[in-house]
Amino acid sequence: MREVNSKRIFLFILSSIIVLISTENLTAEERKILSQDFNNWVEIRNKNLVKQDTDYSCGAASIATVLSNYYNIKTTEKEVLKTA
């Protein structure tokens, strides 16, 4: 058991050193790309959706999503509910 842990530690340290050496000669643009925050798939999927706040406002949220993304009229679910 102790050999497995020491091998893992050695491989972790070795891979960390390789990463540090390989990132030393990056250009400014490559560093910018590596430092960006990446979104998970749920954030990407929900990026252009207006979420409903209540259990009865799914229609208003749908209309707000269509208005905001298809017609480029930025609106919220609450604004759609007020006009209905």
N, C-alpha and C. Protein backbone atom coordinates (compact mmCIF):
# COMPACT_ATOMS: atom_id res chain seq x y z
N MET A 1 0.82 -1.19 0.00
CA MET A 1 0.00 0.00 0.00
C MET A 1 0.87 1.26 0.00
N ARG A 2 1.94 1.24 0.75
CA ARG A 2 2.82 2.40 0.83
C ARG A 2 3.53 2.65 -0.49
N GLU A 3 3.84 1.60 -1.24
CA GLU A 3 4.49 1.77 -2.54
C GLU A 3 3.56 2.47 -3.53
N VAL A 4 2.29 2.11 -3.50
CA VAL A 4 1.32 2.72 -4.41
C VAL A 4 1.22 4.22 -4.12
N ASN A 5 1.13 4.58 -2.85
CA ASN A 5 1.04 5.99 -2.49
C ASN A 5 2.29 6.75 -2.87
N SER A 6 3.46 6.17 -2.66
CA SER A 6 4.70 6.86 -3.01
C SER A 6 4.84 7.00 -4.52
N LYS A 7 4.35 6.01 -5.29
CA LYS A 7 4.36 6.13 -6.75
C LYS A 7 3.44 7.25 -7.21
N ARG A 8 2.27 7.33 -6.61
CA ARG A 8 1.32 8.38 -6.97
C ARG A 8 1.88 9.75 -6.65
N ILE A 9 2.51 9.87 -5.49
CA ILE A 9 3.10 11.15 -5.09
C ILE A 9 4.22 11.52 -6.06
N PHE A 10 5.05 10.56 -6.41
CA PHE A 10 6.14 10.82 -7.35
C PHE A 10 5.59 11.26 -8.70
N LEU A 11 4.57 10.56 -9.21
CA LEU A 11 3.99 10.92 -10.50
C LEU A 11 3.33 12.30 -10.45
N PHE A 12 2.69 12.62 -9.34
CA PHE A 12 2.08 13.94 -9.20
C PHE A 12 3.14 15.04 -9.22
N ILE A 13 4.20 14.83 -8.48
CA ILE A 13 5.28 15.83 -8.45
C ILE A 13 5.93 15.96 -9.81
N LEU A 14 6.18 14.85 -10.47
CA LEU A 14 6.79 14.87 -11.80
C LEU A 14 5.90 15.58 -12.81
N SER A 15 4.61 15.28 -12.80
CA SER A 15 3.70 15.94 -13.74
C SER A 15 3.58 17.44 -13.42
N SER A 16 3.63 17.81 -12.16
CA SER A 16 3.58 19.23 -11.80
C SER A 16 4.80 19.97 -12.32
N ILE A 17 5.95 19.34 -12.21
CA ILE A 17 7.18 19.96 -12.72
C ILE A 17 7.11 20.11 -14.24
N ILE A 18 6.61 19.09 -14.92
CA ILE A 18 6.49 19.15 -16.39
C ILE A 18 5.55 20.28 -16.79
N VAL A 19 4.44 20.42 -16.09
CA VAL A 19 3.48 21.49 -16.41
C VAL A 19 4.12 22.86 -16.17
N LEU A 20 4.83 23.00 -15.08
CA LEU A 20 5.47 24.29 -14.80
C LEU A 20 6.51 24.64 -15.86
N ILE A 21 7.28 23.66 -16.28
CA ILE A 21 8.30 23.90 -17.30
C ILE A 21 7.66 24.22 -18.65
N SER A 22 6.59 23.51 -18.99
CA SER A 22 5.97 23.71 -20.30
C SER A 22 5.21 25.03 -20.38
N THR A 23 4.74 25.57 -19.26
CA THR A 23 4.01 26.84 -19.29
C THR A 23 4.92 28.04 -19.14
N GLU A 24 6.20 27.81 -18.97
CA GLU A 24 7.14 28.90 -18.77
C GLU A 24 7.31 29.75 -20.03
N ASN A 25 7.25 29.14 -21.20
CA ASN A 25 7.52 29.85 -22.45
C ASN A 25 6.26 30.15 -23.25
N LEU A 26 5.14 30.31 -22.59
CA LEU A 26 3.89 30.61 -23.27
C LEU A 26 3.83 32.08 -23.67
N THR A 27 3.12 32.35 -24.76
CA THR A 27 2.89 33.73 -25.15
C THR A 27 1.81 34.33 -24.24
N ALA A 28 1.64 35.63 -24.35
CA ALA A 28 0.65 36.31 -23.52
C ALA A 28 -0.76 35.82 -23.85
N GLU A 29 -1.03 35.57 -25.13
CA GLU A 29 -2.36 35.10 -25.51
C GLU A 29 -2.61 33.68 -24.99
N GLU A 30 -1.60 32.83 -25.03
CA GLU A 30 -1.76 31.47 -24.52
C GLU A 30 -1.99 31.48 -23.01
N ARG A 31 -1.30 32.36 -22.30
CA ARG A 31 -1.53 32.50 -20.86
C ARG A 31 -2.95 32.97 -20.56
N LYS A 32 -3.45 33.90 -21.40
CA LYS A 32 -4.80 34.40 -21.22
C LYS A 32 -5.82 33.28 -21.40
N ILE A 33 -5.62 32.44 -22.41
CA ILE A 33 -6.52 31.32 -22.66
C ILE A 33 -6.52 30.35 -21.49
N LEU A 34 -5.35 30.05 -20.96
CA LEU A 34 -5.25 29.10 -19.85
C LEU A 34 -5.82 29.66 -18.55
N SER A 35 -5.83 30.99 -18.41
CA SER A 35 -6.31 31.57 -17.16
C SER A 35 -7.81 31.85 -17.16
N GLN A 36 -8.48 31.63 -18.29
CA GLN A 36 -9.91 31.88 -18.37
C GLN A 36 -10.69 30.89 -17.51
N ASP A 37 -11.82 31.38 -17.00
CA ASP A 37 -12.74 30.49 -16.30
C ASP A 37 -13.58 29.77 -17.33
N PHE A 38 -13.70 28.48 -17.20
CA PHE A 38 -14.48 27.69 -18.13
C PHE A 38 -15.82 27.34 -17.49
N ASN A 39 -16.88 27.45 -18.27
CA ASN A 39 -18.21 27.14 -17.79
C ASN A 39 -18.49 25.65 -17.94
N ASN A 40 -19.29 25.14 -17.04
CA ASN A 40 -19.71 23.75 -17.20
C ASN A 40 -20.87 23.70 -18.19
N TRP A 41 -21.29 22.53 -18.56
CA TRP A 41 -22.30 22.38 -19.61
C TRP A 41 -23.65 22.94 -19.20
N VAL A 42 -23.97 22.95 -17.91
CA VAL A 42 -25.26 23.49 -17.45
C VAL A 42 -25.28 25.01 -17.65
N GLU A 43 -24.17 25.68 -17.35
CA GLU A 43 -24.11 27.12 -17.56
C GLU A 43 -24.19 27.47 -19.04
N ILE A 44 -23.56 26.66 -19.88
CA ILE A 44 -23.62 26.90 -21.32
C ILE A 44 -25.04 26.67 -21.83
N ARG A 45 -25.68 25.61 -21.37
CA ARG A 45 -27.04 25.30 -21.80
C ARG A 45 -28.03 26.38 -21.40
N ASN A 46 -27.88 26.94 -20.21
CA ASN A 46 -28.83 27.91 -19.68
C ASN A 46 -28.44 29.36 -19.96
N LYS A 47 -27.41 29.57 -20.76
CA LYS A 47 -26.88 30.92 -20.98
C LYS A 47 -27.93 31.87 -21.53
N ASN A 48 -28.70 31.47 -22.51
CA ASN A 48 -29.65 32.36 -23.17
C ASN A 48 -31.09 32.11 -22.76
N LEU A 49 -31.30 31.53 -21.60
CA LEU A 49 -32.65 31.23 -21.13
C LEU A 49 -33.06 32.19 -20.02
N VAL A 50 -34.31 32.61 -20.06
CA VAL A 50 -34.89 33.35 -18.95
C VAL A 50 -35.58 32.31 -18.07
N LYS A 51 -35.07 32.15 -16.86
CA LYS A 51 -35.61 31.13 -15.95
C LYS A 51 -36.88 31.64 -15.28
N GLN A 52 -37.81 30.73 -15.05
CA GLN A 52 -39.05 31.12 -14.37
C GLN A 52 -38.81 31.17 -12.87
N ASP A 53 -39.41 32.18 -12.23
CA ASP A 53 -39.26 32.36 -10.78
C ASP A 53 -40.35 31.66 -9.99
N THR A 54 -41.52 31.53 -10.58
CA THR A 54 -42.63 30.89 -9.88
C THR A 54 -43.13 29.69 -10.68
N ASP A 55 -43.95 28.87 -10.06
CA ASP A 55 -44.43 27.67 -10.75
C ASP A 55 -45.52 27.97 -11.77
N TYR A 56 -46.05 29.18 -11.82
CA TYR A 56 -47.09 29.52 -12.79
C TYR A 56 -46.61 30.46 -13.89
N SER A 57 -45.32 30.76 -13.93
CA SER A 57 -44.84 31.76 -14.88
C SER A 57 -43.98 31.17 -16.01
N CYS A 58 -44.21 29.91 -16.34
CA CYS A 58 -43.39 29.31 -17.40
C CYS A 58 -43.67 29.95 -18.75
N GLY A 59 -44.91 30.35 -19.01
CA GLY A 59 -45.24 31.00 -20.27
C GLY A 59 -44.56 32.35 -20.40
N ALA A 60 -44.56 33.10 -19.31
CA ALA A 60 -43.91 34.42 -19.32
C ALA A 60 -42.40 34.29 -19.51
N ALA A 61 -41.81 33.29 -18.89
CA ALA A 61 -40.38 33.07 -19.07
C ALA A 61 -40.06 32.66 -20.49
N SER A 62 -40.93 31.85 -21.10
CA SER A 62 -40.73 31.45 -22.49
C SER A 62 -40.82 32.64 -23.42
N ILE A 63 -41.82 33.48 -23.21
CA ILE A 63 -41.97 34.67 -24.05
C ILE A 63 -40.79 35.62 -23.87
N ALA A 64 -40.34 35.79 -22.64
CA ALA A 64 -39.18 36.65 -22.38
C ALA A 64 -37.93 36.10 -23.07
N THR A 65 -37.78 34.77 -23.09
CA THR A 65 -36.64 34.15 -23.77
C THR A 65 -36.70 34.42 -25.26
N VAL A 66 -37.87 34.26 -25.86
CA VAL A 66 -38.01 34.49 -27.30
C VAL A 66 -37.78 35.96 -27.64
N LEU A 67 -38.37 36.86 -26.85
CA LEU A 67 -38.19 38.28 -27.10
C LEU A 67 -36.72 38.69 -26.97
N SER A 68 -36.06 38.17 -25.96
CA SER A 68 -34.67 38.55 -25.70
C SER A 68 -33.70 38.01 -26.73
N ASN A 69 -33.92 36.78 -27.17
CA ASN A 69 -32.93 36.15 -28.05
C ASN A 69 -33.28 36.23 -29.53
N TYR A 70 -34.54 36.09 -29.89
CA TYR A 70 -34.91 36.08 -31.30
C TYR A 70 -35.16 37.49 -31.83
N TYR A 71 -35.92 38.29 -31.06
CA TYR A 71 -36.25 39.64 -31.49
C TYR A 71 -35.29 40.70 -30.94
N ASN A 72 -34.36 40.29 -30.10
CA ASN A 72 -33.36 41.18 -29.50
C ASN A 72 -34.00 42.32 -28.70
N ILE A 73 -35.13 42.01 -28.05
CA ILE A 73 -35.80 42.95 -27.14
C ILE A 73 -35.53 42.43 -25.73
N LYS A 74 -34.57 43.00 -25.07
CA LYS A 74 -34.18 42.52 -23.75
C LYS A 74 -35.30 42.76 -22.75
N THR A 75 -35.84 41.71 -22.22
CA THR A 75 -36.94 41.80 -21.27
C THR A 75 -36.81 40.70 -20.22
N THR A 76 -37.54 40.87 -19.15
CA THR A 76 -37.51 39.88 -18.08
C THR A 76 -38.86 39.23 -17.95
N GLU A 77 -38.90 38.20 -17.19
CA GLU A 77 -40.16 37.48 -16.94
C GLU A 77 -41.17 38.38 -16.23
N LYS A 78 -40.69 39.17 -15.30
CA LYS A 78 -41.58 40.06 -14.54
C LYS A 78 -42.20 41.13 -15.42
N GLU A 79 -41.43 41.63 -16.39
CA GLU A 79 -41.98 42.63 -17.31
C GLU A 79 -43.08 42.02 -18.17
N VAL A 80 -42.89 40.77 -18.60
CA VAL A 80 -43.93 40.09 -19.40
C VAL A 80 -45.17 39.87 -18.55
N LEU A 81 -45.01 39.49 -17.28
CA LEU A 81 -46.17 39.29 -16.40
C LEU A 81 -46.93 40.58 -16.14
N LYS A 82 -46.21 41.71 -16.07
CA LYS A 82 -46.88 43.00 -15.83
C LYS A 82 -47.73 43.39 -17.02
N THR A 83 -47.27 43.11 -18.22
CA THR A 83 -48.01 43.53 -19.41
C THR A 83 -49.16 42.57 -19.76
N ALA A 84 -49.17 41.40 -19.16
CA ALA A 84 -50.22 40.42 -19.48
C ALA A 84 -51.51 40.72 -18.79
